[in-house]
Amino acid sequence: MGIVTALEIDLVAAPAQWGATLTFDVADAASVLRAVRDLADDAPATLNVFVNSMRMPDAPQLPAEIRGTSFLSVQALSVDGAAGALLSGVRSAGVVRREKIGPTSQAALAAASGEPTEPTAGAGGSMTLAALDDATIAGLVEFRELPEQWPIVGIDIRMLGGALRSPHRDGFASLSAADWLLHALVPVIPGVPAEPGMESLAGLRRLLAPHEAPQIIPTFLSPGQGLDRCGSPDDLRRLRAVRQAADPQAVLHEGRLPR
């Protein structure tokens, strides 16, 4: 816990926002992921790509067209105009079932995010990856389709690098050693045991551990992880010194930074 006394935000130049969403069948997941990985090698800092793998439960409250189905969507955002040519390799990696492409805006992005207006219960796990090679992609796709991994509804894979390699100012946490940020979501449903979901998240972490990057940002820490996963030893010493100066009586909860 902390007390925020000031907040300064660097704005991102976005002269012409352009977005694309391409949805593929799960059968094309491996080839599409490889194409996104290859795109990341040469993508300009003005382009970001977000991959979302969904495995929908066979629940009656879901629309019939997605109930019990699996699919993969690739979302791209350019802040410097149309970037369709950059996505040609991704587009040709599978059969595009649905697509939405064209100019966009901050308001349109917020509306399309699908974020719930009310908080919903869920468990999740996050990792940063230093590599996404063919063997890791194949293992991830195989893991995703195992019947016992049904609790994981969504896996998001976000491309890093680009502007994150050279931030405007020094910060506590760095993602300079990571190329990908992955987050898996397990809904918490009343009356449904939580153990299968926790086992699935643990299995996913074991699968990807060989390529896990050393650091992650605080907002993606998993339960039980502390700020030592985010900052360097010098960063942690500096943060503790600030806390000791501002809160010598330990009034504030220690949070993710044990005393």
Protein backbone atom coordinates (compact mmCIF):
# COMPACT_ATOMS: atom_id res chain seq x y z
CA MET A 1 0.00 0.00 0.00
CA GLY A 2 1.19 3.53 -0.67
CA ILE A 3 0.03 7.12 -0.87
CA VAL A 4 0.22 8.77 -4.28
CA THR A 5 1.08 12.46 -4.04
CA ALA A 6 1.73 13.20 -7.72
CA LEU A 7 1.32 11.53 -11.08
CA GLU A 8 3.05 12.45 -14.33
CA ILE A 9 2.15 10.75 -17.61
CA ASP A 10 4.06 10.88 -20.89
CA LEU A 11 1.65 11.00 -23.82
CA VAL A 12 2.26 8.84 -26.88
CA ALA A 13 2.25 10.54 -30.26
CA ALA A 14 -0.53 8.96 -32.32
CA PRO A 15 -1.14 11.04 -35.44
CA ALA A 16 -3.19 8.36 -37.23
CA GLN A 17 -4.54 5.40 -35.28
CA TRP A 18 -5.31 2.27 -37.27
CA GLY A 19 -6.41 -1.11 -35.99
CA ALA A 20 -7.02 -4.66 -37.17
CA THR A 21 -8.58 -7.76 -35.64
CA LEU A 22 -8.17 -11.08 -37.46
CA THR A 23 -9.88 -14.20 -36.08
CA PHE A 24 -8.69 -17.71 -36.99
CA ASP A 25 -9.79 -21.25 -36.22
CA VAL A 26 -7.83 -22.98 -33.49
CA ALA A 27 -6.44 -25.39 -36.11
CA ASP A 28 -4.33 -22.50 -37.44
CA ALA A 29 -3.07 -21.42 -34.00
CA ALA A 30 0.51 -22.68 -34.34
CA SER A 31 1.12 -21.20 -37.80
CA VAL A 32 -0.47 -17.88 -36.83
CA LEU A 33 1.61 -17.65 -33.64
CA ARG A 34 4.77 -18.32 -35.64
CA ALA A 35 3.80 -15.58 -38.09
CA VAL A 36 3.21 -13.11 -35.24
CA ARG A 37 6.58 -14.09 -33.74
CA ASP A 38 8.29 -13.46 -37.09
CA LEU A 39 6.50 -10.12 -37.48
CA ALA A 40 7.83 -9.00 -34.10
CA ASP A 41 11.40 -9.24 -35.35
CA ASP A 42 10.92 -6.34 -37.79
CA ALA A 43 7.87 -4.50 -36.43
CA PRO A 44 8.31 -0.71 -36.08
CA ALA A 45 7.90 0.87 -32.66
CA THR A 46 4.62 2.40 -33.88
CA LEU A 47 2.96 -1.05 -34.17
CA ASN A 48 1.85 -3.38 -31.42
CA VAL A 49 0.30 -6.83 -31.72
CA PHE A 50 -1.83 -8.70 -29.19
CA VAL A 51 -2.76 -12.39 -29.57
CA ASN A 52 -5.77 -13.83 -27.76
CA SER A 53 -6.47 -17.57 -27.53
CA MET A 54 -10.00 -18.34 -26.34
CA ARG A 55 -11.45 -21.68 -25.31
CA MET A 56 -15.10 -21.10 -24.57
CA PRO A 57 -16.94 -23.43 -22.17
CA ASP A 58 -20.06 -25.26 -23.29
CA ALA A 59 -22.24 -22.99 -21.17
CA PRO A 60 -25.89 -22.26 -22.05
CA GLN A 61 -25.51 -18.55 -21.32
CA LEU A 62 -23.05 -18.14 -24.22
CA PRO A 63 -24.14 -17.46 -27.82
CA ALA A 64 -24.51 -20.64 -29.86
CA GLU A 65 -21.86 -19.61 -32.41
CA ILE A 66 -19.07 -19.54 -29.82
CA ARG A 67 -20.30 -22.00 -27.18
CA GLY A 68 -17.83 -24.83 -26.73
CA THR A 69 -15.50 -23.51 -29.45
CA SER A 70 -11.85 -22.46 -29.57
CA PHE A 71 -10.40 -19.68 -31.69
CA LEU A 72 -7.43 -17.36 -31.96
CA SER A 73 -7.57 -13.64 -32.65
CA VAL A 74 -4.74 -11.29 -33.58
CA GLN A 75 -5.21 -7.61 -32.79
CA ALA A 76 -2.88 -4.96 -34.15
CA LEU A 77 -2.69 -1.24 -33.41
CA SER A 78 -0.64 1.25 -35.39
CA VAL A 79 -0.29 4.85 -34.21
CA ASP A 80 1.20 5.94 -37.51
CA GLY A 81 -1.47 5.06 -40.06
CA ALA A 82 -2.43 1.91 -41.95
CA ALA A 83 -0.13 -1.08 -41.46
CA GLY A 84 -1.95 -3.77 -43.40
CA ALA A 85 1.15 -4.71 -45.39
CA LEU A 86 2.96 -5.59 -42.17
CA LEU A 87 0.22 -8.11 -41.33
CA SER A 88 0.36 -9.94 -44.67
CA GLY A 89 2.38 -12.81 -43.23
CA VAL A 90 -0.06 -13.22 -40.34
CA ARG A 91 -3.06 -13.07 -42.66
CA SER A 92 -1.66 -15.80 -44.92
CA ALA A 93 -0.80 -18.08 -41.98
CA GLY A 94 -4.38 -19.35 -41.70
CA VAL A 95 -7.95 -18.92 -42.84
CA VAL A 96 -9.34 -15.60 -41.60
CA ARG A 97 -12.86 -16.27 -40.33
CA ARG A 98 -13.67 -12.73 -39.23
CA GLU A 99 -11.88 -9.44 -39.60
CA LYS A 100 -12.23 -5.79 -38.75
CA ILE A 101 -9.71 -3.36 -40.21
CA GLY A 102 -9.54 0.40 -40.51
CA PRO A 103 -8.98 3.75 -38.80
CA THR A 104 -9.76 3.77 -35.09
CA SER A 105 -9.67 6.01 -32.02
CA GLN A 106 -9.17 5.85 -28.27
CA ALA A 107 -12.94 5.73 -27.74
CA ALA A 108 -13.36 2.89 -30.24
CA LEU A 109 -10.53 0.92 -28.64
CA ALA A 110 -12.09 1.31 -25.20
CA ALA A 111 -15.49 0.18 -26.51
CA ALA A 112 -13.98 -2.84 -28.27
CA SER A 113 -11.97 -3.99 -25.25
CA GLY A 114 -14.96 -5.80 -23.79
CA GLU A 115 -13.93 -4.95 -20.25
CA PRO A 116 -16.78 -5.71 -17.82
CA THR A 117 -18.49 -2.77 -16.17
CA GLU A 118 -18.75 -4.76 -12.94
CA PRO A 119 -15.85 -6.66 -11.33
CA THR A 120 -15.92 -10.39 -11.99
CA ALA A 121 -14.14 -13.09 -10.00
CA GLY A 122 -11.21 -14.76 -11.66
CA ALA A 123 -7.75 -16.21 -11.13
CA GLY A 124 -4.81 -15.72 -13.42
CA GLY A 125 -1.14 -16.09 -13.96
CA SER A 126 1.33 -13.93 -15.87
CA MET A 127 4.83 -14.44 -17.24
CA THR A 128 7.29 -12.54 -19.36
CA LEU A 129 9.08 -14.58 -22.00
CA ALA A 130 12.51 -13.95 -23.45
CA ALA A 131 11.78 -16.10 -26.50
CA LEU A 132 8.90 -17.69 -28.38
CA ASP A 133 10.53 -20.36 -30.52
CA ASP A 134 8.83 -23.03 -32.61
CA ALA A 135 9.09 -25.69 -29.90
CA THR A 136 7.53 -23.39 -27.29
CA ILE A 137 4.69 -22.49 -29.66
CA ALA A 138 4.03 -26.16 -30.44
CA GLY A 139 4.04 -27.03 -26.74
CA LEU A 140 1.72 -24.17 -25.89
CA VAL A 141 -0.80 -25.11 -28.60
CA GLU A 142 -0.73 -28.78 -27.53
CA PHE A 143 -1.19 -27.83 -23.86
CA ARG A 144 -4.04 -25.50 -24.77
CA GLU A 145 -6.14 -28.24 -26.34
CA LEU A 146 -5.70 -30.91 -23.66
CA PRO A 147 -9.13 -31.78 -22.20
CA GLU A 148 -7.90 -31.32 -18.63
CA GLN A 149 -6.88 -27.71 -19.34
CA TRP A 150 -10.49 -26.60 -19.76
CA PRO A 151 -10.33 -24.17 -16.77
CA ILE A 152 -8.11 -21.74 -18.71
CA VAL A 153 -10.58 -19.77 -20.80
CA GLY A 154 -8.19 -17.18 -22.24
CA ILE A 155 -4.47 -16.82 -22.90
CA ASP A 156 -3.21 -13.41 -23.99
CA ILE A 157 0.23 -12.93 -25.56
CA ARG A 158 1.41 -9.33 -25.94
CA MET A 159 4.34 -8.27 -28.08
CA LEU A 160 6.94 -6.25 -26.20
CA GLY A 161 10.14 -4.60 -27.42
CA GLY A 162 9.87 -1.54 -29.63
CA ALA A 163 9.54 1.67 -27.62
CA LEU A 164 9.89 -0.33 -24.39
CA ARG A 165 13.54 -0.92 -25.29
CA SER A 166 14.29 2.78 -24.85
CA PRO A 167 11.89 4.34 -22.30
CA HIS A 168 11.70 8.12 -21.95
CA ARG A 169 12.80 7.89 -18.33
CA ASP A 170 14.13 5.35 -15.87
CA GLY A 171 11.52 3.37 -13.99
CA PHE A 172 11.40 0.86 -11.17
CA ALA A 173 10.52 -2.09 -13.41
CA SER A 174 12.06 -2.88 -16.76
CA LEU A 175 10.91 -5.16 -19.58
CA SER A 176 14.08 -4.73 -21.62
CA ALA A 177 14.94 -8.44 -21.26
CA ALA A 178 11.49 -9.66 -22.33
CA ASP A 179 9.94 -10.02 -25.79
CA TRP A 180 6.48 -11.26 -24.76
CA LEU A 181 4.04 -10.82 -21.90
CA LEU A 182 1.64 -13.71 -21.36
CA HIS A 183 -1.45 -13.80 -19.14
CA ALA A 184 -3.81 -16.74 -18.58
CA LEU A 185 -7.31 -16.37 -17.14
CA VAL A 186 -9.36 -18.86 -15.15
CA PRO A 187 -12.88 -17.69 -14.21
CA VAL A 188 -13.95 -18.31 -10.62
CA ILE A 189 -17.47 -19.72 -10.72
CA PRO A 190 -19.50 -20.27 -7.53
CA GLY A 191 -19.92 -23.95 -6.84
CA VAL A 192 -17.09 -25.00 -9.19
CA PRO A 193 -13.92 -26.29 -7.45
CA ALA A 194 -10.94 -23.96 -7.82
CA GLU A 195 -8.27 -26.69 -7.75
CA PRO A 196 -8.40 -27.66 -11.47
CA GLY A 197 -7.86 -24.03 -12.44
CA MET A 198 -4.87 -23.65 -10.13
CA GLU A 199 -3.40 -26.89 -11.49
CA SER A 200 -3.82 -25.67 -15.08
CA LEU A 201 -2.09 -22.37 -14.31
CA ALA A 202 0.77 -24.20 -12.59
CA GLY A 203 1.12 -26.54 -15.57
CA LEU A 204 1.29 -23.61 -17.98
CA ARG A 205 3.98 -21.98 -15.88
CA ARG A 206 6.05 -25.19 -15.85
CA LEU A 207 5.72 -25.49 -19.62
CA LEU A 208 7.00 -21.97 -20.27
CA ALA A 209 9.56 -21.75 -17.44
CA PRO A 210 12.61 -22.46 -19.68
CA HIS A 211 11.98 -19.20 -21.56
CA GLU A 212 10.77 -17.03 -18.67
CA ALA A 213 12.41 -13.60 -18.57
CA PRO A 214 13.93 -12.46 -15.26
CA GLN A 215 11.63 -9.49 -14.64
CA ILE A 216 7.97 -8.56 -14.85
CA ILE A 217 6.04 -5.38 -14.10
CA PRO A 218 4.21 -5.06 -10.75
CA THR A 219 0.68 -5.06 -12.19
CA PHE A 220 1.28 -8.56 -13.60
CA LEU A 221 2.71 -10.20 -10.49
CA SER A 222 1.09 -13.51 -9.64
CA PRO A 223 -0.07 -14.42 -6.12
CA GLY A 224 2.90 -14.98 -3.83
CA GLN A 225 5.35 -13.01 -5.98
CA GLY A 226 7.03 -9.88 -4.62
CA LEU A 227 8.62 -6.77 -6.05
CA ASP A 228 11.97 -8.57 -6.16
CA ARG A 229 10.68 -9.97 -9.49
CA CYS A 230 10.41 -6.44 -10.87
CA GLY A 231 13.33 -4.27 -9.80
CA SER A 232 17.06 -4.74 -9.41
CA PRO A 233 18.67 -5.04 -5.95
CA ASP A 234 19.62 -1.35 -6.16
CA ASP A 235 16.03 -0.46 -7.07
CA LEU A 236 14.72 -2.39 -4.09
CA ARG A 237 17.17 -0.76 -1.68
CA ARG A 238 16.16 2.68 -2.95
CA LEU A 239 12.47 1.86 -2.61
CA ARG A 240 12.95 0.59 0.94
CA ALA A 241 14.87 3.76 1.84
CA VAL A 242 12.01 5.91 0.55
CA ARG A 243 9.50 3.84 2.53
CA GLN A 244 11.55 4.05 5.71
CA ALA A 245 11.83 7.83 5.38
CA ALA A 246 8.13 8.31 4.66
CA ASP A 247 6.73 5.62 6.97
CA PRO A 248 9.19 4.92 9.82
CA GLN A 249 6.41 3.61 12.10
CA ALA A 250 5.29 1.01 9.54
CA VAL A 251 1.74 2.32 9.39
CA LEU A 252 1.29 1.22 5.80
CA HIS A 253 0.89 -2.43 4.85
CA GLU A 254 4.09 -3.96 3.48
CA GLY A 255 2.31 -5.14 0.32
CA ARG A 256 4.61 -6.75 -2.24
CA LEU A 257 7.77 -5.48 -0.53
CA PRO A 258 8.42 -7.29 2.76
CA ARG A 259 10.18 -5.23 5.42
